[in-house]
PDB file of N, CA and C in Angstrom:
ATOM      1  N   MET A   1     220.618  22.980 129.789  1.00  0.00           N
ATOM      2  CA  MET A   1     219.580  23.986 128.986  1.00  0.00           C
ATOM      3  C   MET A   1     220.908  24.929 128.182  1.00  0.00           C
ATOM      4  N   ILE A   2     220.326  24.769 126.844  1.00  0.00           N
ATOM      5  CA  ILE A   2     221.221  26.378 125.984  1.00  0.00           C
ATOM      6  C   ILE A   2     220.452  26.852 125.662  1.00  0.00           C
ATOM      7  N   ALA A   3     220.959  28.213 125.714  1.00  0.00           N
ATOM      8  CA  ALA A   3     219.908  29.531 124.780  1.00  0.00           C
ATOM      9  C   ALA A   3     220.842  30.159 123.769  1.00  0.00           C
ATOM     10  N   ARG A   4     220.373  29.753 122.342  1.00  0.00           N
ATOM     11  CA  ARG A   4     221.174  30.621 121.483  1.00  0.00           C
ATOM     12  C   ARG A   4     220.500  31.749 120.824  1.00  0.00           C
ATOM     13  N   ILE A   5     221.095  32.684 120.887  1.00  0.00           N
ATOM     14  CA  ILE A   5     220.440  34.310 120.760  1.00  0.00           C
ATOM     15  C   ILE A   5     221.331  34.635 119.365  1.00  0.00           C
ATOM     16  N   ALA A   6     220.202  34.527 118.130  1.00  0.00           N
ATOM     17  CA  ALA A   6     220.571  35.288 116.836  1.00  0.00           C
ATOM     18  C   ALA A   6     220.129  36.405 116.672  1.00  0.00           C
ATOM     19  N   THR A   7     220.798  37.626 116.578  1.00  0.00           N
ATOM     20  CA  THR A   7     219.959  38.722 116.349  1.00  0.00           C
ATOM     21  C   THR A   7     220.516  39.460 114.947  1.00  0.00           C
ATOM     22  N   PHE A   8     219.343  40.111 114.747  1.00  0.00           N
ATOM     23  CA  PHE A   8     218.893  40.306 113.221  1.00  0.00           C
ATOM     24  C   PHE A   8     218.740  41.929 113.360  1.00  0.00           C
ATOM     25  N   GLU A   9     219.280  42.724 111.874  1.00  0.00           N
ATOM     26  CA  GLU A   9     219.236  43.930 111.656  1.00  0.00           C
ATOM     27  C   GLU A   9     218.484  44.346 110.322  1.00  0.00           C
ATOM     28  N   GLY A  10     217.426  45.039 110.422  1.00  0.00           N
ATOM     29  CA  GLY A  10     216.884  45.362 109.184  1.00  0.00           C
ATOM     30  C   GLY A  10     216.138  44.714 108.706  1.00  0.00           C
ATOM     31  N   GLY A  11     215.461  44.188 107.544  1.00  0.00           N
ATOM     32  CA  GLY A  11     214.306  43.647 107.304  1.00  0.00           C
ATOM     33  C   GLY A  11     212.992  44.020 107.315  1.00  0.00           C
ATOM     34  N   ASN A  12     211.923  43.132 107.066  1.00  0.00           N
ATOM     35  CA  ASN A  12     210.524  43.733 107.076  1.00  0.00           C
ATOM     36  C   ASN A  12     210.075  43.437 108.390  1.00  0.00           C
ATOM     37  N   ALA A  13     209.629  43.940 109.610  1.00  0.00           N
ATOM     38  CA  ALA A  13     209.396  43.263 110.674  1.00  0.00           C
ATOM     39  C   ALA A  13     208.068  42.639 110.586  1.00  0.00           C
ATOM     40  N   ASP A  14     206.922  43.535 110.000  1.00  0.00           N
ATOM     41  CA  ASP A  14     205.801  42.788 109.506  1.00  0.00           C
ATOM     42  C   ASP A  14     205.779  41.550 109.016  1.00  0.00           C
ATOM     43  N   GLU A  15     206.533  41.965 108.003  1.00  0.00           N
ATOM     44  CA  GLU A  15     206.717  39.967 107.045  1.00  0.00           C
ATOM     45  C   GLU A  15     207.433  38.847 107.855  1.00  0.00           C
ATOM     46  N   MET A  16     208.283  39.343 108.841  1.00  0.00           N
ATOM     47  CA  MET A  16     208.895  38.456 109.649  1.00  0.00           C
ATOM     48  C   MET A  16     207.984  38.072 111.128  1.00  0.00           C
ATOM     49  N   ARG A  17     207.093  39.224 111.285  1.00  0.00           N
ATOM     50  CA  ARG A  17     206.226  38.373 112.659  1.00  0.00           C
ATOM     51  C   ARG A  17     205.381  37.540 111.792  1.00  0.00           C
ATOM     52  N   ARG A  18     204.860  37.487 110.607  1.00  0.00           N
ATOM     53  CA  ARG A  18     203.663  36.855 109.961  1.00  0.00           C
ATOM     54  C   ARG A  18     204.167  35.547 109.642  1.00  0.00           C
ATOM     55  N   ARG A  19     205.733  35.612 109.065  1.00  0.00           N
ATOM     56  CA  ARG A  19     206.199  34.301 108.836  1.00  0.00           C
ATOM     57  C   ARG A  19     206.999  33.459 110.374  1.00  0.00           C
ATOM     58  N   ASN A  20     206.881  34.246 111.156  1.00  0.00           N
ATOM     59  CA  ASN A  20     207.265  33.645 112.408  1.00  0.00           C
ATOM     60  C   ASN A  20     206.466  32.830 113.224  1.00  0.00           C
ATOM     61  N   ASN A  21     205.040  33.604 113.000  1.00  0.00           N
ATOM     62  CA  ASN A  21     203.658  32.917 113.558  1.00  0.00           C
ATOM     63  C   ASN A  21     203.485  31.683 112.886  1.00  0.00           C
ATOM     64  N   GLU A  22     203.607  31.831 111.190  1.00  0.00           N
ATOM     65  CA  GLU A  22     203.417  30.594 110.746  1.00  0.00           C
ATOM     66  C   GLU A  22     204.121  29.785 110.974  1.00  0.00           C
ATOM     67  N   MET A  23     205.815  29.690 111.085  1.00  0.00           N
ATOM     68  CA  MET A  23     206.368  28.736 111.279  1.00  0.00           C
ATOM     69  C   MET A  23     206.414  28.340 112.577  1.00  0.00           C
ATOM     70  N   LEU A  24     206.027  29.253 113.867  1.00  0.00           N
ATOM     71  CA  LEU A  24     206.230  28.639 114.925  1.00  0.00           C
ATOM     72  C   LEU A  24     204.767  27.822 115.620  1.00  0.00           C
ATOM     73  N   VAL A  25     204.008  28.185 114.887  1.00  0.00           N
ATOM     74  CA  VAL A  25     202.461  27.926 115.580  1.00  0.00           C
ATOM     75  C   VAL A  25     202.055  27.018 114.139  1.00  0.00           C
ATOM     76  N   ASP A  26     202.134  26.976 112.653  1.00  0.00           N
ATOM     77  CA  ASP A  26     201.526  25.936 111.943  1.00  0.00           C
ATOM     78  C   ASP A  26     202.751  25.265 111.502  1.00  0.00           C
ATOM     79  N   ARG A  27     203.848  25.680 111.399  1.00  0.00           N
ATOM     80  CA  ARG A  27     204.984  24.375 110.698  1.00  0.00           C
ATOM     81  C   ARG A  27     205.962  24.567 111.285  1.00  0.00           C
ATOM     82  N   THR A  28     205.647  23.577 112.686  1.00  0.00           N
ATOM     83  CA  THR A  28     206.561  23.411 113.801  1.00  0.00           C
ATOM     84  C   THR A  28     207.687  22.461 113.332  1.00  0.00           C
ATOM     85  N   ALA A  29     207.217  21.334 112.228  1.00  0.00           N
ATOM     86  CA  ALA A  29     208.064  20.536 112.030  1.00  0.00           C
ATOM     87  C   ALA A  29     209.484  20.768 111.255  1.00  0.00           C
ATOM     88  N   GLU A  30     209.467  22.337 110.566  1.00  0.00           N
ATOM     89  CA  GLU A  30     210.075  22.815 109.751  1.00  0.00           C
ATOM     90  C   GLU A  30     210.971  23.319 110.696  1.00  0.00           C
ATOM     91  N   MET A  31     210.978  23.557 111.870  1.00  0.00           N
ATOM     92  CA  MET A  31     212.117  24.093 113.207  1.00  0.00           C
ATOM     93  C   MET A  31     212.899  22.809 113.499  1.00  0.00           C
ATOM     94  N   PRO A  32     214.562  23.566 113.606  1.00  0.00           N
ATOM     95  CA  PRO A  32     215.282  22.347 114.262  1.00  0.00           C
ATOM     96  C   PRO A  32     215.084  21.379 115.120  1.00  0.00           C
ATOM     97  N   ALA A  33     215.602  19.881 114.767  1.00  0.00           N
ATOM     98  CA  ALA A  33     215.385  19.157 115.708  1.00  0.00           C
ATOM     99  C   ALA A  33     216.086  19.521 117.139  1.00  0.00           C
ATOM    100  N   GLY A  34     215.400  18.993 118.009  1.00  0.00           N
ATOM    101  CA  GLY A  34     215.870  19.217 119.439  1.00  0.00           C
ATOM    102  C   GLY A  34     215.469  20.543 120.111  1.00  0.00           C
ATOM    103  N   ILE A  35     214.935  21.599 119.544  1.00  0.00           N
ATOM    104  CA  ILE A  35     214.676  22.695 119.855  1.00  0.00           C
ATOM    105  C   ILE A  35     213.559  22.608 120.829  1.00  0.00           C
ATOM    106  N   LEU A  36     213.733  23.382 121.806  1.00  0.00           N
ATOM    107  CA  LEU A  36     212.425  23.236 122.793  1.00  0.00           C
ATOM    108  C   LEU A  36     211.498  24.325 123.116  1.00  0.00           C
ATOM    109  N   ARG A  37     212.009  25.680 122.771  1.00  0.00           N
ATOM    110  CA  ARG A  37     211.038  26.702 123.150  1.00  0.00           C
ATOM    111  C   ARG A  37     211.763  28.036 122.249  1.00  0.00           C
ATOM    112  N   VAL A  38     211.060  28.956 121.635  1.00  0.00           N
ATOM    113  CA  VAL A  38     211.555  29.854 120.725  1.00  0.00           C
ATOM    114  C   VAL A  38     210.931  30.819 121.520  1.00  0.00           C
ATOM    115  N   ILE A  39     211.484  32.251 121.822  1.00  0.00           N
ATOM    116  CA  ILE A  39     211.189  33.518 121.970  1.00  0.00           C
ATOM    117  C   ILE A  39     211.990  34.564 120.721  1.00  0.00           C
ATOM    118  N   VAL A  40     211.132  35.621 120.522  1.00  0.00           N
ATOM    119  CA  VAL A  40     211.151  36.500 119.495  1.00  0.00           C
ATOM    120  C   VAL A  40     211.154  37.753 120.144  1.00  0.00           C
ATOM    121  N   LEU A  41     212.153  38.702 120.473  1.00  0.00           N
ATOM    122  CA  LEU A  41     212.237  40.149 120.947  1.00  0.00           C
ATOM    123  C   LEU A  41     212.191  40.794 119.893  1.00  0.00           C
ATOM    124  N   MET A  42     211.369  41.917 119.625  1.00  0.00           N
ATOM    125  CA  MET A  42     211.416  43.089 118.764  1.00  0.00           C
ATOM    126  C   MET A  42     211.758  44.464 119.592  1.00  0.00           C
ATOM    127  N   LYS A  43     213.013  44.762 119.233  1.00  0.00           N
ATOM    128  CA  LYS A  43     213.724  46.144 119.669  1.00  0.00           C
ATOM    129  C   LYS A  43     212.551  47.177 119.121  1.00  0.00           C
ATOM    130  N   ASP A  44     212.672  47.022 117.870  1.00  0.00           N
ATOM    131  CA  ASP A  44     211.888  48.176 117.507  1.00  0.00           C
ATOM    132  C   ASP A  44     211.940  47.956 115.971  1.00  0.00           C
ATOM    133  N   GLU A  45     211.417  48.333 114.963  1.00  0.00           N
ATOM    134  CA  GLU A  45     211.079  47.511 113.439  1.00  0.00           C
ATOM    135  C   GLU A  45     212.209  47.279 112.537  1.00  0.00           C
ATOM    136  N   SER A  46     213.793  47.570 113.174  1.00  0.00           N
ATOM    137  CA  SER A  46     214.817  47.152 112.480  1.00  0.00           C
ATOM    138  C   SER A  46     215.561  46.494 113.162  1.00  0.00           C
ATOM    139  N   ARG A  47     215.405  45.743 114.684  1.00  0.00           N
ATOM    140  CA  ARG A  47     216.053  45.575 114.615  1.00  0.00           C
ATOM    141  C   ARG A  47     215.489  43.815 116.158  1.00  0.00           C
ATOM    142  N   TRP A  48     216.093  43.058 116.026  1.00  0.00           N
ATOM    143  CA  TRP A  48     215.563  42.224 116.636  1.00  0.00           C
ATOM    144  C   TRP A  48     216.109  40.737 117.058  1.00  0.00           C
ATOM    145  N   SER A  49     215.846  39.648 117.924  1.00  0.00           N
ATOM    146  CA  SER A  49     216.589  38.568 118.388  1.00  0.00           C
ATOM    147  C   SER A  49     215.564  37.262 118.469  1.00  0.00           C
ATOM    148  N   VAL A  50     215.953  36.151 117.798  1.00  0.00           N
ATOM    149  CA  VAL A  50     215.478  35.260 118.287  1.00  0.00           C
ATOM    150  C   VAL A  50     216.429  34.259 119.160  1.00  0.00           C
ATOM    151  N   ILE A  51     215.643  33.818 120.477  1.00  0.00           N
ATOM    152  CA  ILE A  51     216.430  32.741 121.570  1.00  0.00           C
ATOM    153  C   ILE A  51     215.587  31.838 121.399  1.00  0.00           C
ATOM    154  N   SER A  52     216.160  30.746 121.055  1.00  0.00           N
ATOM    155  CA  SER A  52     216.044  29.287 120.688  1.00  0.00           C
ATOM    156  C   SER A  52     216.707  28.765 122.059  1.00  0.00           C
ATOM    157  N   PHE A  53     215.714  27.591 122.684  1.00  0.00           N
ATOM    158  CA  PHE A  53     216.502  26.694 123.669  1.00  0.00           C
ATOM    159  C   PHE A  53     216.517  25.621 123.353  1.00  0.00           C
ATOM    160  N   PHE A  54     217.871  24.972 123.411  1.00  0.00           N
ATOM    161  CA  PHE A  54     218.024  23.198 123.292  1.00  0.00           C
ATOM    162  C   PHE A  54     218.223  22.450 124.847  1.00  0.00           C
ATOM    163  N   GLY A  55     218.026  21.390 124.556  1.00  0.00           N
ATOM    164  CA  GLY A  55     218.555  20.540 126.240  1.00  0.00           C
ATOM    165  C   GLY A  55     219.885  20.433 126.135  1.00  0.00           C
ATOM    166  N   SER A  56     221.028  20.732 125.516  1.00  0.00           N
ATOM    167  CA  SER A  56     222.171  20.366 125.228  1.00  0.00           C
ATOM    168  C   SER A  56     223.022  21.119 124.481  1.00  0.00           C
ATOM    169  N   GLU A  57     223.991  21.307 124.607  1.00  0.00           N
ATOM    170  CA  GLU A  57     224.966  22.372 123.613  1.00  0.00           C
ATOM    171  C   GLU A  57     225.085  21.420 122.227  1.00  0.00           C
ATOM    172  N   GLU A  58     224.922  19.789 122.224  1.00  0.00           N
ATOM    173  CA  GLU A  58     224.825  19.129 121.358  1.00  0.00           C
ATOM    174  C   GLU A  58     223.946  19.347 120.190  1.00  0.00           C
ATOM    175  N   GLY A  59     222.663  19.237 121.267  1.00  0.00           N
ATOM    176  CA  GLY A  59     221.397  19.684 120.407  1.00  0.00           C
ATOM    177  C   GLY A  59     221.340  20.911 119.510  1.00  0.00           C
ATOM    178  N   ALA A  60     221.427  21.970 120.600  1.00  0.00           N
ATOM    179  CA  ALA A  60     222.037  23.512 119.537  1.00  0.00           C
ATOM    180  C   ALA A  60     223.191  23.138 118.427  1.00  0.00           C
ATOM    181  N   ALA A  61     224.213  22.313 118.480  1.00  0.00           N
ATOM    182  CA  ALA A  61     225.194  22.484 117.375  1.00  0.00           C
ATOM    183  C   ALA A  61     224.326  21.634 116.191  1.00  0.00           C
ATOM    184  N   ALA A  62     223.568  20.861 116.736  1.00  0.00           N
ATOM    185  CA  ALA A  62     223.027  19.983 115.600  1.00  0.00           C
ATOM    186  C   ALA A  62     222.098  20.749 115.092  1.00  0.00           C
ATOM    187  N   ALA A  63     221.326  21.745 115.694  1.00  0.00           N
ATOM    188  CA  ALA A  63     220.454  22.685 114.807  1.00  0.00           C
ATOM    189  C   ALA A  63     221.177  23.634 113.700  1.00  0.00           C
ATOM    190  N   GLU A  64     222.393  23.726 113.885  1.00  0.00           N
ATOM    191  CA  GLU A  64     223.337  25.091 113.124  1.00  0.00           C
ATOM    192  C   GLU A  64     223.013  24.694 111.662  1.00  0.00           C
ATOM    193  N   GLU A  65     223.014  23.668 110.996  1.00  0.00           N
ATOM    194  CA  GLU A  65     222.497  23.509 109.673  1.00  0.00           C
ATOM    195  C   GLU A  65     220.860  23.608 109.432  1.00  0.00           C
ATOM    196  N   ARG A  66     220.250  23.813 110.021  1.00  0.00           N
ATOM    197  CA  ARG A  66     219.025  23.651 109.886  1.00  0.00           C
ATOM    198  C   ARG A  66     218.595  25.513 109.843  1.00  0.00           C
ATOM    199  N   PHE A  67     219.461  25.925 110.706  1.00  0.00           N
ATOM    200  CA  PHE A  67     219.456  27.531 111.218  1.00  0.00           C
ATOM    201  C   PHE A  67     219.636  28.102 109.652  1.00  0.00           C
ATOM    202  N   GLU A  68     220.835  27.348 109.177  1.00  0.00           N
ATOM    203  CA  GLU A  68     221.637  28.090 108.035  1.00  0.00           C
ATOM    204  C   GLU A  68     220.544  27.994 106.665  1.00  0.00           C
ATOM    205  N   GLN A  69     219.706  26.723 106.667  1.00  0.00           N
ATOM    206  CA  GLN A  69     218.833  26.714 105.361  1.00  0.00           C
ATOM    207  C   GLN A  69     217.878  27.495 105.423  1.00  0.00           C
ATOM    208  N   MET A  70     217.087  27.842 107.019  1.00  0.00           N
ATOM    209  CA  MET A  70     216.370  28.718 107.250  1.00  0.00           C
ATOM    210  C   MET A  70     216.521  30.438 106.777  1.00  0.00           C
ATOM    211  N   GLY A  71     217.884  30.368 106.899  1.00  0.00           N
ATOM    212  CA  GLY A  71     218.312  31.728 106.497  1.00  0.00           C
ATOM    213  C   GLY A  71     218.317  32.042 104.774  1.00  0.00           C
ATOM    214  N   ASP A  72     218.440  30.848 104.071  1.00  0.00           N
ATOM    215  CA  ASP A  72     218.562  30.756 102.725  1.00  0.00           C
ATOM    216  C   ASP A  72     217.157  30.870 102.151  1.00  0.00           C
ATOM    217  N   GLU A  73     216.212  30.495 103.138  1.00  0.00           N
ATOM    218  CA  GLU A  73     214.878  30.130 102.606  1.00  0.00           C
ATOM    219  C   GLU A  73     214.283  31.285 102.828  1.00  0.00           C
ATOM    220  N   ILE A  74     214.536  32.464 103.966  1.00  0.00           N
ATOM    221  CA  ILE A  74     213.634  33.597 104.173  1.00  0.00           C
ATOM    222  C   ILE A  74     214.659  34.831 103.331  1.00  0.00           C
ATOM    223  N   PRO A  75     214.467  35.731 102.510  1.00  0.00           N
ATOM    224  CA  PRO A  75     215.111  36.500 101.524  1.00  0.00           C
ATOM    225  C   PRO A  75     215.483  38.021 102.889  1.00  0.00           C
ATOM    226  N   GLU A  76     216.824  37.746 102.738  1.00  0.00           N
ATOM    227  CA  GLU A  76     217.387  39.219 103.466  1.00  0.00           C
ATOM    228  C   GLU A  76     216.722  40.128 103.743  1.00  0.00           C
ATOM    229  N   SER A  77     215.951  40.847 102.512  1.00  0.00           N
ATOM    230  CA  SER A  77     215.069  41.840 102.351  1.00  0.00           C
ATOM    231  C   SER A  77     213.820  41.564 103.461  1.00  0.00           C
ATOM    232  N   VAL A  78     213.549  40.531 103.997  1.00  0.00           N
ATOM    233  CA  VAL A  78     212.860  40.067 105.117  1.00  0.00           C
ATOM    234  C   VAL A  78     213.385  39.871 106.575  1.00  0.00           C
ATOM    235  N   ARG A  79     214.170  38.761 106.290  1.00  0.00           N
ATOM    236  CA  ARG A  79     214.940  38.442 107.575  1.00  0.00           C
ATOM    237  C   ARG A  79     215.631  39.728 108.227  1.00  0.00           C
ATOM    238  N   GLY A  80     216.553  40.698 107.217  1.00  0.00           N
ATOM    239  CA  GLY A  80     216.915  41.433 108.165  1.00  0.00           C
ATOM    240  C   GLY A  80     219.002  40.718 107.734  1.00  0.00           C
ATOM    241  N   LYS A  81     219.665  41.455 108.050  1.00  0.00           N
ATOM    242  CA  LYS A  81     221.040  40.903 108.153  1.00  0.00           C
ATOM    243  C   LYS A  81     221.270  40.406 109.715  1.00  0.00           C
ATOM    244  N   ARG A  82     221.882  39.229 109.643  1.00  0.00           N
ATOM    245  CA  ARG A  82     222.317  38.464 110.805  1.00  0.00           C
ATOM    246  C   ARG A  82     223.651  38.998 111.208  1.00  0.00           C
ATOM    247  N   ILE A  83     223.531  39.638 112.275  1.00  0.00           N
ATOM    248  CA  ILE A  83     224.701  40.712 113.059  1.00  0.00           C
ATOM    249  C   ILE A  83     225.048  40.231 114.194  1.00  0.00           C
ATOM    250  N   GLY A  84     224.805  39.310 114.681  1.00  0.00           N
ATOM    251  CA  GLY A  84     225.297  38.542 115.891  1.00  0.00           C
ATOM    252  C   GLY A  84     224.664  36.902 116.253  1.00  0.00           C
ATOM    253  N   VAL A  85     225.407  35.971 116.437  1.00  0.00           N
ATOM    254  CA  VAL A  85     224.965  34.754 117.438  1.00  0.00           C
ATOM    255  C   VAL A  85     225.678  34.108 118.011  1.00  0.00           C
ATOM    256  N   GLU A  86     225.376  33.919 119.248  1.00  0.00           N
ATOM    257  CA  GLU A  86     225.883  33.685 120.523  1.00  0.00           C
ATOM    258  C   GLU A  86     224.934  32.422 121.160  1.00  0.00           C
ATOM    259  N   SER A  87     225.719  31.394 122.076  1.00  0.00           N
ATOM    260  CA  SER A  87     224.951  30.692 123.165  1.00  0.00           C
ATOM    261  C   SER A  87     225.707  30.841 124.458  1.00  0.00           C
ATOM    262  N   TYR A  88     224.921  30.296 125.204  1.00  0.00           N
ATOM    263  CA  TYR A  88     224.608  30.739 126.700  1.00  0.00           C
ATOM    264  C   TYR A  88     224.117  29.631 127.055  1.00  0.00           C
ATOM    265  N   GLU A  89     224.862  29.263 128.182  1.00  0.00           N
ATOM    266  CA  GLU A  89     224.415  28.288 129.255  1.00  0.00           C
ATOM    267  C   GLU A  89     223.312  29.096 129.940  1.00  0.00           C
ATOM    268  N   VAL A  90     222.396  28.368 130.310  1.00  0.00           N
ATOM    269  CA  VAL A  90     221.148  28.695 131.204  1.00  0.00           C
ATOM    270  C   VAL A  90     221.348  28.560 132.531  1.00  0.00           C
ATOM    271  N   ALA A  91     221.786  29.398 133.242  1.00  0.00           N
ATOM    272  CA  ALA A  91     222.237  29.194 134.438  1.00  0.00           C
ATOM    273  C   ALA A  91     220.977  29.222 135.687  1.00  0.00           C
ATOM    274  N   PHE A  92     219.951  30.011 135.333  1.00  0.00           N
ATOM    275  CA  PHE A  92     219.097  30.365 136.226  1.00  0.00           C
ATOM    276  C   PHE A  92     217.837  30.464 135.101  1.00  0.00           C
ATOM    277  N   ASP A  93     216.853  29.881 135.712  1.00  0.00           N
ATOM    278  CA  ASP A  93     215.328  30.406 134.894  1.00  0.00           C
ATOM    279  C   ASP A  93     214.061  29.909 135.850  1.00  0.00           C
ATOM    280  N   VAL A  94     213.454  30.985 136.217  1.00  0.00           N
ATOM    281  CA  VAL A  94     212.243  30.634 137.067  1.00  0.00           C
ATOM    282  C   VAL A  94     211.295  31.378 136.522  1.00  0.00           C
ATOM    283  N   GLU A  95     210.061  30.862 136.363  1.00  0.00           N
ATOM    284  CA  GLU A  95     208.792  31.638 136.468  1.00  0.00           C
ATOM    285  C   GLU A  95     208.049  32.076 137.093  1.00  0.00           C
ATOM    286  N   MET A  96     207.626  33.534 137.601  1.00  0.00           N
ATOM    287  CA  MET A  96     206.983  33.963 138.509  1.00  0.00           C
ATOM    288  C   MET A  96     205.515  33.729 138.405  1.00  0.00           C
ATOM    289  N   VAL A  97     205.049  32.863 139.429  1.00  0.00           N
ATOM    290  CA  VAL A  97     203.288  32.400 139.340  1.00  0.00           C
ATOM    291  C   VAL A  97     203.286  33.168 140.676  1.00  0.00           C
ATOM    292  N   ARG A  98     201.921  33.851 140.416  1.00  0.00           N
ATOM    293  CA  ARG A  98     201.584  34.459 141.580  1.00  0.00           C
ATOM    294  C   ARG A  98     200.043  34.552 141.959  1.00  0.00           C
TER     295      ARG A  98
END
């Protein structure tokens, strides 16, 4: 499994929360093909990261074009400036159930 982490700075946190909720819940067909899961982490009102999970490196690479299109569709004043993007192999993942 591959985790792609895109980090943003600035923008409008409230509007991004609204858009993320709409896109991830109501308009999932607009998400990149092959995406398995998405987690959005908010550090504060001006810095946040999107972690997208894919089944393979090929799937993550194939999604890059759609991620770029999404960046063009959301104004920088809302999404903020992307300050980093990295991909990692998920080496260990366990959900603690008690």
